[in-house]
Amino acid sequence: MLHARDAEIDAEQVSGQPSAWRDMYRVMRCPGSPCRLESQYCRQDPVGKKHYRLRTHHLRKLVRYVEQEGGVIECHDDVPDNIRELLYAEEQQRLKQRQKVPGHPASGSPFPININVLPTPPPRSMAISPPAAAEPPALNSSPPSSSINVPGPLEVAVENYAAWQLSRVNTESFKDNIIKARGIALNNCLDLKQIYQDQDPGFFIKQGVKLGAARRFVTEINDWVQEMQS
């Protein structure tokens, strides 16, 4: 990467045009706290404020985006969607790998994720009655019988869960709606436990999230917790 940067700066001196590498180093330099990546360059999410480490291949893609595609990057929020999704997917993969190594909990959490299942009430005798007419399913489901406990910073858990959802889809429409649901949750200070207990995809649908994406975002939290445990 240093050779590429030196070549760009040499070309700048000849042509009088600014070096894309130099500008990229300036813009994407880590802004500081609360970064814990010990990295000189990173991308800070403007909503959750989480930092994502920028490695050589990320910076090269950003420079190519500016030089070959005519993109403009003047701040962290200008990073194009395809590179953001790459960062989310790599972060999710890193968390899954850390979960599989003993003694390395994910995302700075010193405690394992626990799922507390409430005891099942004893069966009651019921009178036999004629079957009721089937009713259409409601968007607001009843609260789940089990609760989840996700330790660590609440907004970081939302970011990691959204990254997991993004890693499971390919189309831009699916990705856009997952990112939108993540932003709605963070802007309303909703954590995963609250979303899981409310079971209310209608809240996200009213704010523009498509039906399927909203349902998955609400109902699959427990699936993510169990996968992080395995």
Protein backbone atom coordinates (compact mmCIF):
# COMPACT_ATOMS: atom_id res chain seq x y z
CA MET A 1 0.00 0.00 0.00
CA LEU A 2 2.90 2.38 0.72
CA HIS A 3 4.30 1.85 -2.80
CA ALA A 4 0.92 2.69 -4.30
CA ARG A 5 0.69 5.80 -2.16
CA ASP A 6 4.20 6.96 -3.14
CA ALA A 7 3.36 6.50 -6.82
CA GLU A 8 0.19 8.53 -6.42
CA ILE A 9 2.01 11.36 -4.67
CA ASP A 10 4.67 11.40 -7.42
CA ALA A 11 1.90 11.67 -9.99
CA GLU A 12 0.37 14.51 -7.99
CA GLN A 13 3.60 16.48 -8.11
CA VAL A 14 3.78 16.08 -11.90
CA SER A 15 0.14 16.79 -12.72
CA GLY A 16 -0.71 19.27 -10.01
CA GLN A 17 -3.80 17.23 -9.12
CA PRO A 18 -4.45 16.08 -5.50
CA SER A 19 -3.57 12.51 -4.52
CA ALA A 20 -6.59 10.30 -3.78
CA TRP A 21 -4.50 8.29 -1.33
CA ARG A 22 -3.46 11.39 0.61
CA ASP A 23 -7.04 12.63 0.81
CA MET A 24 -8.27 9.20 1.86
CA TYR A 25 -5.71 8.99 4.67
CA ARG A 26 -6.78 12.42 5.87
CA VAL A 27 -10.55 11.79 5.76
CA MET A 28 -10.54 8.23 7.13
CA ARG A 29 -8.09 8.82 9.97
CA CYS A 30 -9.66 7.53 13.19
CA PRO A 31 -11.50 10.42 14.91
CA GLY A 32 -10.61 9.02 18.34
CA SER A 33 -12.80 8.10 21.32
CA PRO A 34 -14.56 5.72 21.73
CA CYS A 35 -12.37 3.77 19.27
CA ARG A 36 -10.72 0.69 20.81
CA LEU A 37 -9.37 -0.82 17.60
CA GLU A 38 -5.85 0.58 18.01
CA SER A 39 -6.03 1.33 14.29
CA GLN A 40 -4.88 4.50 12.56
CA TYR A 41 -7.76 4.40 10.06
CA CYS A 42 -11.37 3.38 10.58
CA ARG A 43 -14.93 4.14 9.53
CA GLN A 44 -17.23 5.45 12.27
CA ASP A 45 -20.92 4.67 11.89
CA PRO A 46 -22.80 8.01 12.15
CA VAL A 47 -25.75 6.42 13.99
CA GLY A 48 -24.31 3.92 16.47
CA LYS A 49 -20.84 5.58 16.58
CA LYS A 50 -19.20 2.16 16.31
CA HIS A 51 -15.76 2.07 14.68
CA TYR A 52 -14.87 -0.38 11.90
CA ARG A 53 -11.19 -0.95 11.16
CA LEU A 54 -10.10 0.02 7.64
CA ARG A 55 -7.45 -2.29 6.23
CA THR A 56 -5.41 -2.01 3.04
CA HIS A 57 -8.03 -3.61 0.77
CA HIS A 58 -10.74 -1.31 2.16
CA LEU A 59 -8.68 1.83 1.49
CA ARG A 60 -7.83 0.58 -2.00
CA LYS A 61 -11.55 0.14 -2.77
CA LEU A 62 -12.25 3.67 -1.49
CA VAL A 63 -9.51 5.14 -3.67
CA ARG A 64 -10.85 3.20 -6.69
CA TYR A 65 -14.34 4.52 -5.92
CA VAL A 66 -13.02 8.10 -6.08
CA GLU A 67 -10.65 7.72 -9.04
CA GLN A 68 -12.57 5.37 -11.32
CA GLU A 69 -16.23 5.87 -10.36
CA GLY A 70 -16.16 9.61 -9.72
CA GLY A 71 -17.20 9.22 -6.09
CA VAL A 72 -16.69 11.91 -3.46
CA ILE A 73 -15.60 11.07 0.09
CA GLU A 74 -15.38 14.06 2.39
CA CYS A 75 -16.46 12.41 5.65
CA HIS A 76 -17.12 8.94 7.13
CA ASP A 77 -20.78 9.08 6.08
CA ASP A 78 -19.74 9.28 2.39
CA VAL A 79 -18.41 5.70 2.38
CA PRO A 80 -20.46 3.86 -0.31
CA ASP A 81 -22.98 1.20 0.70
CA ASN A 82 -21.08 -1.75 -0.78
CA ILE A 83 -18.01 -0.99 1.34
CA ARG A 84 -20.15 -0.45 4.46
CA GLU A 85 -21.77 -3.84 3.92
CA LEU A 86 -18.33 -5.40 3.47
CA LEU A 87 -17.24 -3.93 6.82
CA TYR A 88 -20.43 -5.18 8.54
CA ALA A 89 -20.01 -8.68 7.11
CA GLU A 90 -16.32 -8.89 8.08
CA GLU A 91 -17.14 -7.70 11.60
CA GLN A 92 -19.85 -10.35 11.95
CA GLN A 93 -17.47 -13.04 10.73
CA ARG A 94 -14.85 -11.86 13.21
CA LEU A 95 -17.35 -12.07 16.08
CA LYS A 96 -18.40 -15.59 15.08
CA GLN A 97 -14.77 -16.74 14.98
CA ARG A 98 -14.09 -15.23 18.42
CA GLN A 99 -17.14 -17.01 19.83
CA LYS A 100 -15.63 -20.35 18.78
CA VAL A 101 -12.35 -19.69 20.64
CA PRO A 102 -12.54 -20.39 24.42
CA GLY A 103 -11.94 -17.32 26.55
CA HIS A 104 -12.75 -14.81 23.79
CA PRO A 105 -16.27 -13.40 24.20
CA ALA A 106 -17.61 -11.16 21.43
CA SER A 107 -17.43 -7.34 21.25
CA GLY A 108 -15.84 -6.63 24.61
CA SER A 109 -18.41 -8.54 26.63
CA PRO A 110 -16.78 -10.38 29.57
CA PHE A 111 -19.81 -12.60 30.20
CA PRO A 112 -21.51 -15.31 28.13
CA ILE A 113 -24.95 -14.68 26.68
CA ASN A 114 -27.61 -16.29 28.84
CA ILE A 115 -31.15 -17.16 27.83
CA ASN A 116 -33.50 -17.42 30.79
CA VAL A 117 -36.50 -19.62 30.06
CA LEU A 118 -39.52 -19.05 32.28
CA PRO A 119 -41.06 -22.15 33.90
CA THR A 120 -44.03 -23.64 32.08
CA PRO A 121 -47.26 -23.30 34.09
CA PRO A 122 -49.02 -26.54 35.05
CA PRO A 123 -51.73 -27.69 32.58
CA ARG A 124 -55.29 -26.75 33.33
CA SER A 125 -58.35 -28.82 32.65
CA MET A 126 -60.28 -27.38 29.73
CA ALA A 127 -63.79 -27.99 28.55
CA ILE A 128 -64.14 -29.26 25.00
CA SER A 129 -65.65 -26.60 22.77
CA PRO A 130 -66.31 -26.39 19.05
CA PRO A 131 -63.33 -25.16 17.03
CA ALA A 132 -63.30 -21.39 16.53
CA ALA A 133 -63.07 -19.82 13.12
CA ALA A 134 -59.51 -19.16 11.99
CA GLU A 135 -58.37 -15.54 12.37
CA PRO A 136 -55.77 -13.82 10.20
CA PRO A 137 -52.36 -13.50 11.88
CA ALA A 138 -51.74 -10.18 13.59
CA LEU A 139 -48.55 -8.20 13.13
CA ASN A 140 -48.26 -7.62 16.89
CA SER A 141 -47.46 -11.05 18.34
CA SER A 142 -47.79 -11.98 21.98
CA PRO A 143 -44.65 -11.59 24.13
CA PRO A 144 -42.29 -14.59 23.97
CA SER A 145 -42.24 -17.07 26.85
CA SER A 146 -38.46 -16.68 27.25
CA SER A 147 -36.34 -13.61 27.86
CA ILE A 148 -32.87 -12.89 26.50
CA ASN A 149 -29.90 -11.29 28.17
CA VAL A 150 -27.32 -9.69 25.88
CA PRO A 151 -24.55 -8.14 28.02
CA GLY A 152 -22.34 -5.31 26.87
CA PRO A 153 -23.22 -1.95 25.28
CA LEU A 154 -26.81 -1.99 24.06
CA GLU A 155 -26.21 -0.12 20.82
CA VAL A 156 -23.26 -2.36 19.92
CA ALA A 157 -25.52 -5.42 20.20
CA VAL A 158 -27.99 -3.79 17.77
CA GLU A 159 -25.13 -3.09 15.33
CA ASN A 160 -23.85 -6.68 15.54
CA TYR A 161 -27.32 -8.13 15.09
CA ALA A 162 -27.92 -5.97 12.01
CA ALA A 163 -24.54 -7.08 10.61
CA TRP A 164 -25.66 -10.70 11.04
CA GLN A 165 -28.87 -9.98 9.16
CA LEU A 166 -26.91 -8.25 6.36
CA SER A 167 -24.61 -11.26 6.03
CA ARG A 168 -27.62 -13.44 5.14
CA VAL A 169 -28.97 -11.45 2.17
CA ASN A 170 -27.66 -10.39 -1.25
CA THR A 171 -30.14 -8.01 -2.86
CA GLU A 172 -29.97 -4.24 -2.36
CA SER A 173 -33.65 -4.05 -1.36
CA PHE A 174 -33.16 -6.52 1.50
CA LYS A 175 -29.99 -4.78 2.66
CA ASP A 176 -31.56 -1.31 2.52
CA ASN A 177 -34.48 -2.39 4.71
CA ILE A 178 -32.22 -4.06 7.28
CA ILE A 179 -30.09 -0.89 7.49
CA LYS A 180 -33.29 1.16 7.83
CA ALA A 181 -34.57 -1.05 10.68
CA ARG A 182 -31.21 -0.76 12.44
CA GLY A 183 -31.33 3.04 12.17
CA ILE A 184 -34.90 3.17 13.53
CA ALA A 185 -33.92 1.03 16.52
CA LEU A 186 -30.87 3.15 17.34
CA ASN A 187 -32.65 6.49 16.80
CA ASN A 188 -35.40 5.38 19.21
CA CYS A 189 -32.90 3.97 21.76
CA LEU A 190 -34.39 0.49 21.39
CA ASP A 191 -32.17 -2.39 22.47
CA LEU A 192 -32.52 -6.02 21.37
CA LYS A 193 -34.22 -7.16 24.57
CA GLN A 194 -36.93 -4.51 24.19
CA ILE A 195 -37.50 -5.34 20.52
CA TYR A 196 -37.63 -9.07 21.31
CA GLN A 197 -40.11 -8.63 24.17
CA ASP A 198 -42.40 -6.23 22.27
CA GLN A 199 -42.60 -8.46 19.15
CA ASP A 200 -43.97 -5.48 17.22
CA PRO A 201 -42.87 -5.45 13.55
CA GLY A 202 -45.68 -2.98 12.92
CA PHE A 203 -43.58 -0.28 14.63
CA PHE A 204 -40.90 -0.65 11.94
CA ILE A 205 -43.41 -1.07 9.09
CA LYS A 206 -45.06 2.26 9.96
CA GLN A 207 -41.68 3.94 9.50
CA GLY A 208 -41.06 2.50 6.05
CA VAL A 209 -39.47 -0.92 6.58
CA LYS A 210 -40.85 -3.64 4.31
CA LEU A 211 -43.05 -6.31 5.92
CA GLY A 212 -40.66 -9.27 5.59
CA ALA A 213 -37.60 -7.37 6.76
CA ALA A 214 -39.48 -5.95 9.75
CA ARG A 215 -40.73 -9.39 10.81
CA ARG A 216 -37.27 -10.93 10.54
CA PHE A 217 -35.64 -8.05 12.41
CA VAL A 218 -38.08 -8.54 15.32
CA THR A 219 -38.48 -12.32 15.45
CA GLU A 220 -34.96 -13.62 14.72
CA ILE A 221 -33.14 -12.00 17.64
CA ASN A 222 -33.22 -15.25 19.63
CA ASP A 223 -31.78 -17.12 16.61
CA TRP A 224 -28.84 -14.69 16.57
CA VAL A 225 -28.28 -15.07 20.33
CA GLN A 226 -28.22 -18.86 20.04
CA GLU A 227 -25.81 -18.71 17.07
CA MET A 228 -23.48 -16.46 19.05
CA GLN A 229 -23.56 -19.01 21.86
CA SER A 230 -22.70 -21.98 19.64
